[in-house]
N, C-alpha and C. Protein backbone atom coordinates (compact mmCIF):
# COMPACT_ATOMS: atom_id res chain seq x y z
N MET A 1 8.18 -10.35 11.67
CA MET A 1 8.36 -9.04 12.24
C MET A 1 7.38 -8.08 11.58
N ARG A 2 6.66 -7.31 12.34
CA ARG A 2 5.66 -6.38 11.83
C ARG A 2 6.18 -4.95 11.89
N ARG A 3 6.08 -4.23 10.78
CA ARG A 3 6.51 -2.84 10.75
C ARG A 3 5.44 -2.01 10.09
N GLU A 4 5.14 -0.88 10.67
CA GLU A 4 4.21 0.06 10.06
C GLU A 4 5.01 0.99 9.16
N LEU A 5 4.40 1.39 8.07
CA LEU A 5 5.07 2.30 7.15
C LEU A 5 4.99 3.71 7.71
N THR A 6 6.11 4.18 8.26
CA THR A 6 6.15 5.54 8.79
C THR A 6 7.32 6.28 8.17
N VAL A 7 7.13 7.55 7.98
CA VAL A 7 8.15 8.38 7.36
C VAL A 7 8.40 9.57 8.28
N HIS A 8 9.64 9.73 8.71
CA HIS A 8 10.01 10.86 9.56
C HIS A 8 11.23 11.53 8.94
N GLN A 9 11.17 12.83 8.81
CA GLN A 9 12.32 13.54 8.26
C GLN A 9 12.42 14.90 8.95
N ASP A 10 13.61 15.18 9.48
CA ASP A 10 13.85 16.49 10.07
C ASP A 10 14.15 17.47 8.95
N ALA A 11 13.75 18.72 9.14
CA ALA A 11 13.88 19.74 8.09
C ALA A 11 15.33 19.98 7.70
N GLY A 12 16.27 19.93 8.65
CA GLY A 12 17.66 20.26 8.36
C GLY A 12 18.50 19.10 7.88
N ARG A 13 17.99 17.89 7.97
CA ARG A 13 18.76 16.70 7.62
C ARG A 13 18.49 16.26 6.20
N PRO A 14 19.51 15.73 5.50
CA PRO A 14 19.24 15.17 4.17
C PRO A 14 18.36 13.93 4.31
N ALA A 15 17.60 13.66 3.28
CA ALA A 15 16.69 12.52 3.30
C ALA A 15 17.48 11.22 3.35
N ASP A 16 17.03 10.28 4.13
CA ASP A 16 17.63 8.96 4.22
C ASP A 16 17.17 8.14 3.02
N PRO A 17 18.09 7.66 2.18
CA PRO A 17 17.67 6.92 0.99
C PRO A 17 16.96 5.61 1.32
N LEU A 18 17.12 5.10 2.52
CA LEU A 18 16.48 3.85 2.91
C LEU A 18 15.43 4.08 3.99
N LYS A 19 14.80 5.25 3.98
CA LYS A 19 13.85 5.59 5.04
C LYS A 19 12.65 4.65 5.11
N TYR A 20 12.27 4.04 3.99
CA TYR A 20 11.12 3.13 4.01
C TYR A 20 11.48 1.76 4.56
N LEU A 21 12.77 1.54 4.78
CA LEU A 21 13.24 0.25 5.28
C LEU A 21 13.74 0.33 6.72
N ALA A 22 13.41 1.41 7.40
CA ALA A 22 13.83 1.58 8.79
C ALA A 22 13.31 0.40 9.62
N GLY A 23 14.17 -0.13 10.45
CA GLY A 23 13.77 -1.24 11.31
C GLY A 23 14.18 -2.61 10.77
N TYR A 24 14.60 -2.66 9.51
CA TYR A 24 15.06 -3.93 8.95
C TYR A 24 16.51 -4.16 9.36
N PRO A 25 16.97 -5.41 9.38
CA PRO A 25 18.35 -5.70 9.79
C PRO A 25 19.38 -5.03 8.88
N ASP A 26 20.55 -4.76 9.46
CA ASP A 26 21.63 -4.10 8.72
C ASP A 26 22.02 -4.87 7.46
N ARG A 27 21.98 -6.19 7.53
CA ARG A 27 22.33 -7.02 6.37
C ARG A 27 21.43 -6.70 5.18
N ILE A 28 20.14 -6.57 5.42
CA ILE A 28 19.18 -6.27 4.35
C ILE A 28 19.40 -4.84 3.85
N LEU A 29 19.62 -3.91 4.77
CA LEU A 29 19.88 -2.52 4.36
C LEU A 29 21.13 -2.43 3.49
N HIS A 30 22.15 -3.21 3.85
CA HIS A 30 23.38 -3.22 3.06
C HIS A 30 23.12 -3.76 1.65
N GLU A 31 22.37 -4.86 1.56
CA GLU A 31 22.05 -5.45 0.24
C GLU A 31 21.26 -4.47 -0.62
N VAL A 32 20.28 -3.81 -0.02
CA VAL A 32 19.48 -2.83 -0.77
C VAL A 32 20.36 -1.65 -1.18
N GLY A 33 21.23 -1.21 -0.29
CA GLY A 33 22.16 -0.13 -0.63
C GLY A 33 23.03 -0.49 -1.82
N LEU A 34 23.50 -1.74 -1.88
CA LEU A 34 24.29 -2.19 -3.03
C LEU A 34 23.46 -2.19 -4.31
N LEU A 35 22.22 -2.66 -4.22
CA LEU A 35 21.33 -2.66 -5.40
C LEU A 35 21.14 -1.24 -5.93
N ILE A 36 20.97 -0.30 -5.01
CA ILE A 36 20.79 1.10 -5.42
C ILE A 36 22.07 1.64 -6.04
N ALA A 37 23.20 1.40 -5.38
CA ALA A 37 24.48 1.91 -5.88
C ALA A 37 24.81 1.36 -7.26
N GLU A 38 24.45 0.11 -7.51
CA GLU A 38 24.73 -0.53 -8.79
C GLU A 38 23.63 -0.27 -9.81
N GLY A 39 22.58 0.43 -9.40
CA GLY A 39 21.48 0.74 -10.31
C GLY A 39 20.64 -0.47 -10.69
N ARG A 40 20.58 -1.47 -9.81
CA ARG A 40 19.86 -2.70 -10.13
C ARG A 40 18.54 -2.87 -9.39
N LEU A 41 18.15 -1.89 -8.58
CA LEU A 41 16.90 -2.03 -7.82
C LEU A 41 15.70 -2.12 -8.76
N GLY A 42 15.65 -1.26 -9.75
CA GLY A 42 14.55 -1.29 -10.72
C GLY A 42 14.50 -2.60 -11.48
N GLN A 43 15.68 -3.12 -11.86
CA GLN A 43 15.74 -4.40 -12.58
C GLN A 43 15.19 -5.53 -11.73
N LEU A 44 15.56 -5.54 -10.46
CA LEU A 44 15.08 -6.58 -9.55
C LEU A 44 13.56 -6.56 -9.47
N LEU A 45 13.00 -5.37 -9.27
CA LEU A 45 11.55 -5.26 -9.15
C LEU A 45 10.85 -5.57 -10.47
N THR A 46 11.42 -5.16 -11.58
CA THR A 46 10.82 -5.45 -12.89
C THR A 46 10.84 -6.95 -13.16
N ARG A 47 11.88 -7.63 -12.73
CA ARG A 47 11.94 -9.09 -12.89
C ARG A 47 10.83 -9.77 -12.08
N ARG A 48 10.60 -9.29 -10.88
CA ARG A 48 9.56 -9.89 -10.02
C ARG A 48 8.15 -9.49 -10.45
N TYR A 49 8.00 -8.25 -10.88
CA TYR A 49 6.68 -7.70 -11.22
C TYR A 49 6.78 -7.10 -12.62
N SER A 50 6.49 -7.92 -13.61
CA SER A 50 6.80 -7.56 -15.00
C SER A 50 5.91 -6.49 -15.62
N ALA A 51 4.71 -6.25 -15.07
CA ALA A 51 3.83 -5.27 -15.71
C ALA A 51 2.93 -4.60 -14.68
N ALA A 52 2.51 -3.39 -15.03
CA ALA A 52 1.54 -2.67 -14.19
C ALA A 52 0.16 -3.26 -14.46
N HIS A 53 -0.75 -3.06 -13.55
CA HIS A 53 -2.11 -3.58 -13.71
C HIS A 53 -2.95 -2.64 -14.58
N ALA A 54 -4.16 -3.07 -14.89
CA ALA A 54 -5.06 -2.28 -15.73
C ALA A 54 -6.21 -1.67 -14.94
N ILE A 55 -6.13 -1.71 -13.62
CA ILE A 55 -7.20 -1.17 -12.77
C ILE A 55 -6.92 0.31 -12.56
N ARG A 56 -7.40 1.14 -13.47
CA ARG A 56 -7.07 2.57 -13.47
C ARG A 56 -8.21 3.46 -12.98
N THR A 57 -9.45 2.98 -13.05
CA THR A 57 -10.59 3.82 -12.68
C THR A 57 -11.09 3.46 -11.29
N ASP A 58 -11.80 4.39 -10.70
CA ASP A 58 -12.39 4.13 -9.38
C ASP A 58 -13.38 2.98 -9.44
N ARG A 59 -14.12 2.88 -10.54
CA ARG A 59 -15.11 1.80 -10.68
C ARG A 59 -14.41 0.43 -10.74
N ALA A 60 -13.34 0.35 -11.51
CA ALA A 60 -12.59 -0.90 -11.60
C ALA A 60 -11.97 -1.26 -10.25
N LEU A 61 -11.49 -0.26 -9.53
CA LEU A 61 -10.92 -0.48 -8.19
C LEU A 61 -12.00 -0.96 -7.23
N TYR A 62 -13.18 -0.36 -7.30
CA TYR A 62 -14.30 -0.77 -6.46
C TYR A 62 -14.65 -2.24 -6.74
N ASP A 63 -14.78 -2.60 -8.01
CA ASP A 63 -15.12 -3.98 -8.38
C ASP A 63 -14.05 -4.95 -7.87
N TYR A 64 -12.80 -4.57 -7.99
CA TYR A 64 -11.69 -5.41 -7.53
C TYR A 64 -11.76 -5.62 -6.01
N ALA A 65 -11.96 -4.54 -5.28
CA ALA A 65 -12.03 -4.63 -3.82
C ALA A 65 -13.24 -5.44 -3.37
N VAL A 66 -14.37 -5.27 -4.03
CA VAL A 66 -15.58 -6.02 -3.66
C VAL A 66 -15.37 -7.52 -3.92
N ARG A 67 -14.70 -7.87 -5.02
CA ARG A 67 -14.42 -9.29 -5.28
C ARG A 67 -13.56 -9.88 -4.17
N LEU A 68 -12.51 -9.16 -3.77
CA LEU A 68 -11.66 -9.65 -2.68
C LEU A 68 -12.44 -9.76 -1.38
N LYS A 69 -13.24 -8.76 -1.09
CA LYS A 69 -14.04 -8.77 0.14
C LYS A 69 -15.01 -9.94 0.14
N ASN A 70 -15.67 -10.18 -0.99
CA ASN A 70 -16.63 -11.29 -1.07
C ASN A 70 -15.95 -12.64 -0.98
N ASP A 71 -14.71 -12.74 -1.43
CA ASP A 71 -13.97 -14.00 -1.34
C ASP A 71 -13.54 -14.32 0.09
N TYR A 72 -13.20 -13.30 0.87
CA TYR A 72 -12.59 -13.55 2.18
C TYR A 72 -13.37 -13.01 3.37
N LEU A 73 -14.20 -12.03 3.18
CA LEU A 73 -14.88 -11.37 4.31
C LEU A 73 -16.38 -11.28 4.07
N ARG A 74 -17.00 -12.40 3.75
CA ARG A 74 -18.43 -12.39 3.43
C ARG A 74 -19.29 -11.88 4.58
N SER A 75 -18.88 -12.16 5.81
CA SER A 75 -19.71 -11.80 6.96
C SER A 75 -19.61 -10.33 7.34
N CYS A 76 -18.66 -9.62 6.78
CA CYS A 76 -18.51 -8.19 7.09
C CYS A 76 -19.51 -7.37 6.29
N GLY A 77 -19.73 -6.16 6.75
CA GLY A 77 -20.64 -5.25 6.06
C GLY A 77 -20.15 -4.93 4.65
N PRO A 78 -21.03 -4.36 3.84
CA PRO A 78 -20.66 -4.06 2.46
C PRO A 78 -19.67 -2.90 2.35
N VAL A 79 -18.99 -2.87 1.22
CA VAL A 79 -18.10 -1.76 0.90
C VAL A 79 -18.96 -0.70 0.22
N SER A 80 -19.00 0.49 0.78
CA SER A 80 -19.85 1.51 0.18
C SER A 80 -19.11 2.31 -0.89
N ARG A 81 -17.79 2.43 -0.76
CA ARG A 81 -17.05 3.25 -1.71
C ARG A 81 -15.58 2.86 -1.70
N VAL A 82 -14.98 2.77 -2.90
CA VAL A 82 -13.55 2.53 -3.04
C VAL A 82 -13.05 3.44 -4.15
N LEU A 83 -11.98 4.18 -3.88
CA LEU A 83 -11.49 5.10 -4.90
C LEU A 83 -10.01 5.39 -4.72
N TYR A 84 -9.40 5.82 -5.83
CA TYR A 84 -8.04 6.34 -5.78
C TYR A 84 -8.12 7.78 -5.27
N ASP A 85 -7.17 8.16 -4.43
CA ASP A 85 -7.18 9.50 -3.86
C ASP A 85 -5.79 10.11 -4.00
N SER A 86 -5.70 11.17 -4.79
CA SER A 86 -4.41 11.82 -5.02
C SER A 86 -3.94 12.61 -3.80
N ARG A 87 -4.81 12.81 -2.82
CA ARG A 87 -4.42 13.56 -1.62
C ARG A 87 -3.69 12.68 -0.61
N ILE A 88 -3.74 11.37 -0.79
CA ILE A 88 -3.04 10.47 0.12
C ILE A 88 -1.58 10.43 -0.30
N THR A 89 -0.71 10.90 0.57
CA THR A 89 0.72 10.93 0.28
C THR A 89 1.48 10.34 1.46
N LEU A 90 2.73 10.05 1.22
CA LEU A 90 3.56 9.50 2.29
C LEU A 90 3.86 10.53 3.36
N GLU A 91 3.73 11.81 3.03
CA GLU A 91 3.93 12.83 4.05
C GLU A 91 2.86 12.68 5.14
N ARG A 92 1.71 12.17 4.76
CA ARG A 92 0.65 11.91 5.73
C ARG A 92 0.78 10.51 6.32
N GLN A 93 1.89 9.85 5.98
CA GLN A 93 2.21 8.52 6.48
C GLN A 93 1.12 7.51 6.16
N ALA A 94 0.65 7.52 4.93
CA ALA A 94 -0.40 6.58 4.54
C ALA A 94 -0.27 6.23 3.06
N LEU A 95 -0.70 5.03 2.74
CA LEU A 95 -0.81 4.59 1.35
C LEU A 95 -2.26 4.28 1.02
N GLY A 96 -3.03 4.06 2.05
CA GLY A 96 -4.44 3.79 1.89
C GLY A 96 -5.14 4.14 3.19
N LEU A 97 -6.43 4.39 3.09
CA LEU A 97 -7.21 4.73 4.28
C LEU A 97 -8.51 3.94 4.28
N HIS A 98 -8.89 3.49 5.45
CA HIS A 98 -10.19 2.87 5.63
C HIS A 98 -10.98 3.77 6.56
N ARG A 99 -12.12 4.21 6.08
CA ARG A 99 -12.98 5.06 6.92
C ARG A 99 -14.31 4.35 7.08
N TYR A 100 -14.85 4.45 8.26
CA TYR A 100 -16.16 3.88 8.49
C TYR A 100 -17.01 4.89 9.23
N GLN A 101 -18.29 4.82 8.97
CA GLN A 101 -19.21 5.75 9.58
C GLN A 101 -20.42 4.96 10.05
N SER A 102 -20.78 5.13 11.28
CA SER A 102 -21.97 4.47 11.82
C SER A 102 -23.15 5.42 11.70
N LEU A 103 -24.22 4.92 11.12
CA LEU A 103 -25.43 5.72 10.92
C LEU A 103 -26.60 5.04 11.62
N VAL A 104 -27.43 5.82 12.25
CA VAL A 104 -28.64 5.29 12.87
C VAL A 104 -29.77 5.43 11.86
N GLN A 105 -30.38 4.30 11.52
CA GLN A 105 -31.53 4.31 10.63
C GLN A 105 -32.67 3.62 11.34
N GLY A 106 -33.52 4.42 11.95
CA GLY A 106 -34.61 3.86 12.74
C GLY A 106 -34.05 3.18 13.97
N SER A 107 -34.36 1.90 14.13
CA SER A 107 -33.85 1.16 15.28
C SER A 107 -32.57 0.40 14.94
N ARG A 108 -32.05 0.56 13.73
CA ARG A 108 -30.85 -0.14 13.30
C ARG A 108 -29.63 0.78 13.28
N LEU A 109 -28.49 0.15 13.45
CA LEU A 109 -27.22 0.85 13.32
C LEU A 109 -26.54 0.33 12.05
N LYS A 110 -26.31 1.20 11.10
CA LYS A 110 -25.72 0.81 9.82
C LYS A 110 -24.32 1.41 9.72
N THR A 111 -23.37 0.60 9.25
CA THR A 111 -22.00 1.07 9.09
C THR A 111 -21.66 1.15 7.61
N LYS A 112 -21.10 2.29 7.21
CA LYS A 112 -20.64 2.47 5.84
C LYS A 112 -19.11 2.38 5.86
N ASN A 113 -18.58 1.54 5.00
CA ASN A 113 -17.13 1.36 4.90
C ASN A 113 -16.63 1.98 3.60
N GLU A 114 -15.60 2.78 3.71
CA GLU A 114 -15.01 3.43 2.55
C GLU A 114 -13.51 3.19 2.54
N ILE A 115 -12.97 2.89 1.37
CA ILE A 115 -11.54 2.67 1.21
C ILE A 115 -11.01 3.68 0.21
N ARG A 116 -9.91 4.32 0.57
CA ARG A 116 -9.21 5.24 -0.34
C ARG A 116 -7.79 4.73 -0.50
N ILE A 117 -7.36 4.64 -1.75
CA ILE A 117 -6.03 4.13 -2.08
C ILE A 117 -5.23 5.25 -2.74
N ALA A 118 -3.97 5.40 -2.35
CA ALA A 118 -3.11 6.43 -2.93
C ALA A 118 -3.02 6.26 -4.45
N SER A 119 -3.06 7.36 -5.17
CA SER A 119 -3.05 7.34 -6.64
C SER A 119 -1.78 6.72 -7.22
N LEU A 120 -0.70 6.69 -6.46
CA LEU A 120 0.52 6.09 -6.99
C LEU A 120 0.33 4.62 -7.32
N PHE A 121 -0.72 3.98 -6.79
CA PHE A 121 -0.98 2.57 -7.08
C PHE A 121 -1.64 2.36 -8.44
N LYS A 122 -2.02 3.43 -9.13
CA LYS A 122 -2.62 3.28 -10.47
C LYS A 122 -1.64 2.65 -11.45
N THR A 123 -0.36 2.93 -11.28
CA THR A 123 0.65 2.40 -12.20
C THR A 123 1.60 1.42 -11.52
N ALA A 124 1.23 0.92 -10.37
CA ALA A 124 2.05 -0.04 -9.64
C ALA A 124 1.72 -1.46 -10.11
N PRO A 125 2.55 -2.42 -9.74
CA PRO A 125 2.21 -3.82 -10.04
C PRO A 125 0.92 -4.23 -9.33
N LEU A 126 0.19 -5.15 -9.94
CA LEU A 126 -1.08 -5.62 -9.37
C LEU A 126 -0.88 -6.18 -7.97
N GLU A 127 0.24 -6.84 -7.74
CA GLU A 127 0.50 -7.44 -6.43
C GLU A 127 0.54 -6.37 -5.33
N PHE A 128 1.10 -5.20 -5.63
CA PHE A 128 1.15 -4.12 -4.64
C PHE A 128 -0.24 -3.56 -4.39
N LEU A 129 -1.01 -3.41 -5.45
CA LEU A 129 -2.39 -2.94 -5.28
C LEU A 129 -3.17 -3.94 -4.44
N ARG A 130 -3.01 -5.22 -4.73
CA ARG A 130 -3.71 -6.25 -3.96
C ARG A 130 -3.32 -6.17 -2.48
N MET A 131 -2.01 -5.99 -2.22
CA MET A 131 -1.56 -5.94 -0.83
C MET A 131 -2.20 -4.78 -0.07
N ILE A 132 -2.27 -3.61 -0.70
CA ILE A 132 -2.82 -2.45 0.00
C ILE A 132 -4.33 -2.57 0.15
N VAL A 133 -5.02 -3.15 -0.84
CA VAL A 133 -6.47 -3.36 -0.73
C VAL A 133 -6.75 -4.39 0.36
N VAL A 134 -5.96 -5.47 0.40
CA VAL A 134 -6.11 -6.48 1.46
C VAL A 134 -5.91 -5.83 2.82
N HIS A 135 -4.90 -4.98 2.93
CA HIS A 135 -4.62 -4.29 4.20
C HIS A 135 -5.83 -3.47 4.65
N GLU A 136 -6.39 -2.71 3.73
CA GLU A 136 -7.54 -1.87 4.09
C GLU A 136 -8.79 -2.71 4.36
N LEU A 137 -8.98 -3.80 3.62
CA LEU A 137 -10.12 -4.68 3.89
C LEU A 137 -10.00 -5.35 5.26
N ALA A 138 -8.78 -5.67 5.66
CA ALA A 138 -8.58 -6.30 6.97
C ALA A 138 -9.06 -5.39 8.10
N HIS A 139 -9.06 -4.09 7.86
CA HIS A 139 -9.57 -3.16 8.87
C HIS A 139 -11.08 -3.29 9.07
N PHE A 140 -11.77 -3.94 8.16
CA PHE A 140 -13.21 -4.17 8.35
C PHE A 140 -13.44 -5.03 9.59
N LYS A 141 -12.53 -5.99 9.83
CA LYS A 141 -12.67 -6.89 10.98
C LYS A 141 -11.81 -6.46 12.16
N GLU A 142 -10.62 -6.00 11.88
CA GLU A 142 -9.67 -5.62 12.93
C GLU A 142 -9.28 -4.17 12.76
N ARG A 143 -9.65 -3.33 13.69
CA ARG A 143 -9.36 -1.90 13.58
C ARG A 143 -7.88 -1.59 13.80
N ASP A 144 -7.23 -2.33 14.70
CA ASP A 144 -5.84 -2.06 15.06
C ASP A 144 -4.89 -2.99 14.32
N HIS A 145 -3.64 -2.55 14.22
CA HIS A 145 -2.59 -3.37 13.62
C HIS A 145 -2.04 -4.30 14.70
N ASN A 146 -2.74 -5.39 14.91
CA ASN A 146 -2.32 -6.36 15.92
C ASN A 146 -2.08 -7.71 15.25
N LYS A 147 -1.82 -8.72 16.06
CA LYS A 147 -1.51 -10.04 15.52
C LYS A 147 -2.67 -10.58 14.68
N ALA A 148 -3.88 -10.43 15.16
CA ALA A 148 -5.05 -10.92 14.42
C ALA A 148 -5.19 -10.20 13.08
N PHE A 149 -4.88 -8.92 13.06
CA PHE A 149 -4.94 -8.14 11.83
C PHE A 149 -3.98 -8.71 10.78
N TYR A 150 -2.73 -8.94 11.17
CA TYR A 150 -1.75 -9.44 10.22
C TYR A 150 -2.02 -10.89 9.82
N GLN A 151 -2.60 -11.68 10.72
CA GLN A 151 -3.00 -13.04 10.34
C GLN A 151 -4.10 -13.00 9.29
N LEU A 152 -5.02 -12.07 9.43
CA LEU A 152 -6.08 -11.91 8.43
C LEU A 152 -5.49 -11.46 7.09
N CYS A 153 -4.54 -10.54 7.13
CA CYS A 153 -3.87 -10.11 5.89
C CYS A 153 -3.19 -11.30 5.21
N GLU A 154 -2.51 -12.13 6.00
CA GLU A 154 -1.83 -13.31 5.45
C GLU A 154 -2.83 -14.34 4.92
N HIS A 155 -3.99 -14.42 5.53
CA HIS A 155 -5.03 -15.34 5.05
C HIS A 155 -5.51 -14.89 3.66
N MET A 156 -5.70 -13.59 3.49
CA MET A 156 -6.18 -13.07 2.21
C MET A 156 -5.07 -13.01 1.16
N GLU A 157 -3.85 -12.77 1.60
CA GLU A 157 -2.69 -12.69 0.69
C GLU A 157 -1.51 -13.37 1.38
N PRO A 158 -1.27 -14.67 1.06
CA PRO A 158 -0.21 -15.42 1.75
C PRO A 158 1.17 -14.77 1.67
N ASP A 159 1.45 -14.02 0.61
CA ASP A 159 2.76 -13.36 0.47
C ASP A 159 2.73 -11.92 0.99
N TYR A 160 1.82 -11.62 1.89
CA TYR A 160 1.61 -10.25 2.35
C TYR A 160 2.91 -9.58 2.80
N HIS A 161 3.69 -10.25 3.64
CA HIS A 161 4.88 -9.60 4.20
C HIS A 161 5.98 -9.42 3.15
N GLN A 162 6.12 -10.36 2.22
CA GLN A 162 7.09 -10.18 1.14
C GLN A 162 6.65 -9.02 0.25
N LEU A 163 5.36 -8.94 -0.04
CA LEU A 163 4.85 -7.84 -0.86
C LEU A 163 5.03 -6.50 -0.16
N GLU A 164 4.86 -6.49 1.16
CA GLU A 164 5.07 -5.24 1.91
C GLU A 164 6.53 -4.80 1.79
N PHE A 165 7.45 -5.74 1.91
CA PHE A 165 8.87 -5.41 1.76
C PHE A 165 9.17 -4.91 0.35
N ASP A 166 8.65 -5.63 -0.65
CA ASP A 166 8.89 -5.22 -2.04
C ASP A 166 8.24 -3.86 -2.34
N LEU A 167 7.11 -3.59 -1.71
CA LEU A 167 6.49 -2.28 -1.86
C LEU A 167 7.40 -1.19 -1.29
N ARG A 168 8.06 -1.47 -0.19
CA ARG A 168 9.01 -0.52 0.38
C ARG A 168 10.18 -0.28 -0.58
N LEU A 169 10.61 -1.34 -1.26
CA LEU A 169 11.65 -1.18 -2.28
C LEU A 169 11.14 -0.31 -3.43
N TYR A 170 9.90 -0.54 -3.84
CA TYR A 170 9.28 0.24 -4.91
C TYR A 170 9.19 1.72 -4.51
N LEU A 171 8.80 2.00 -3.28
CA LEU A 171 8.73 3.38 -2.80
C LEU A 171 10.11 4.02 -2.78
N THR A 172 11.12 3.23 -2.41
CA THR A 172 12.50 3.72 -2.43
C THR A 172 12.90 4.09 -3.86
N LEU A 173 12.53 3.24 -4.82
CA LEU A 173 12.81 3.51 -6.23
C LEU A 173 12.14 4.80 -6.68
N LEU A 174 10.86 4.95 -6.35
CA LEU A 174 10.13 6.17 -6.73
C LEU A 174 10.73 7.40 -6.07
N ASP A 175 11.14 7.26 -4.83
CA ASP A 175 11.72 8.38 -4.09
C ASP A 175 13.01 8.86 -4.74
N ARG A 176 13.69 7.97 -5.43
CA ARG A 176 14.93 8.32 -6.12
C ARG A 176 14.65 8.92 -7.49
N GLY A 177 13.37 9.06 -7.85
CA GLY A 177 13.01 9.65 -9.14
C GLY A 177 12.99 8.65 -10.28
N GLU A 178 13.12 7.38 -9.97
CA GLU A 178 13.09 6.34 -11.00
C GLU A 178 11.68 5.76 -11.08
N THR A 179 11.40 5.10 -12.20
CA THR A 179 10.10 4.45 -12.35
C THR A 179 10.32 3.00 -12.73
N LEU A 180 9.28 2.22 -12.58
CA LEU A 180 9.38 0.79 -12.86
C LEU A 180 9.06 0.47 -14.31
N TYR A 181 8.05 1.13 -14.86
CA TYR A 181 7.57 0.80 -16.20
C TYR A 181 7.66 1.98 -17.16
N GLY A 182 8.42 2.99 -16.84
CA GLY A 182 8.60 4.11 -17.75
C GLY A 182 7.59 5.23 -17.61
N THR A 183 6.58 5.07 -16.77
CA THR A 183 5.62 6.16 -16.54
C THR A 183 5.62 6.49 -15.07
N ALA A 184 5.68 7.76 -14.78
CA ALA A 184 5.67 8.19 -13.39
C ALA A 184 4.27 8.05 -12.82
N PRO A 185 4.13 7.39 -11.67
CA PRO A 185 2.81 7.24 -11.08
C PRO A 185 2.28 8.56 -10.58
N ALA A 186 0.95 8.67 -10.57
CA ALA A 186 0.32 9.86 -10.01
C ALA A 186 0.72 9.95 -8.55
N GLY A 187 1.13 11.10 -8.13
CA GLY A 187 1.53 11.28 -6.74
C GLY A 187 3.01 11.02 -6.51
N ALA A 188 3.75 10.61 -7.54
CA ALA A 188 5.17 10.33 -7.36
C ALA A 188 5.94 11.60 -7.03
N ALA A 189 5.48 12.73 -7.54
CA ALA A 189 6.15 13.99 -7.24
C ALA A 189 6.10 14.28 -5.76
N ALA A 190 5.04 13.85 -5.10
CA ALA A 190 4.90 14.09 -3.67
C ALA A 190 5.89 13.26 -2.88
N LEU A 191 6.42 12.18 -3.47
CA LEU A 191 7.37 11.34 -2.76
C LEU A 191 8.70 12.05 -2.55
N SER A 192 9.09 12.87 -3.51
CA SER A 192 10.42 13.47 -3.43
C SER A 192 10.43 14.83 -2.75
N ASP A 193 9.30 15.30 -2.26
CA ASP A 193 9.25 16.59 -1.55
C ASP A 193 9.94 16.50 -0.22
């Protein structure tokens, strides 16, 4: 089952604690609700993802993305820029952005690919960072979120859909004001607005 990460909130309504899990079966929502009520959601995620990654700078993120791209998408154009962006928030319904620009250089058409990743991933588990980078790299070949797009994501990261679900749990944890490793990620304040 494919779900896009969308966030909708009416001004007069209280925030839905499971808003990142909209569309999942009631059984799963109930289990997650129990984990939250018992205060075990953070423990579950910490058990699965024991440490945050060390990719904190834009340069390190660029190198990481280029390695993934070279491993799986050799035939695609080069990555011109990869960076963390503190302006990317869930209010804009995004965790990462892929931008491309076509430039005419003489008789050639050159495409520049740029990836921006939300700053909250600076302190997230490496698996979540990998999932979002894989997602944005998949846009190099497939512009739309279609079957071919998700097959490409699964080719680059076989656990893509489990990681997407766990990322939704992580966002739910952050939205509740909790953290996974004791440090609040950059941009976490924007989650609770």
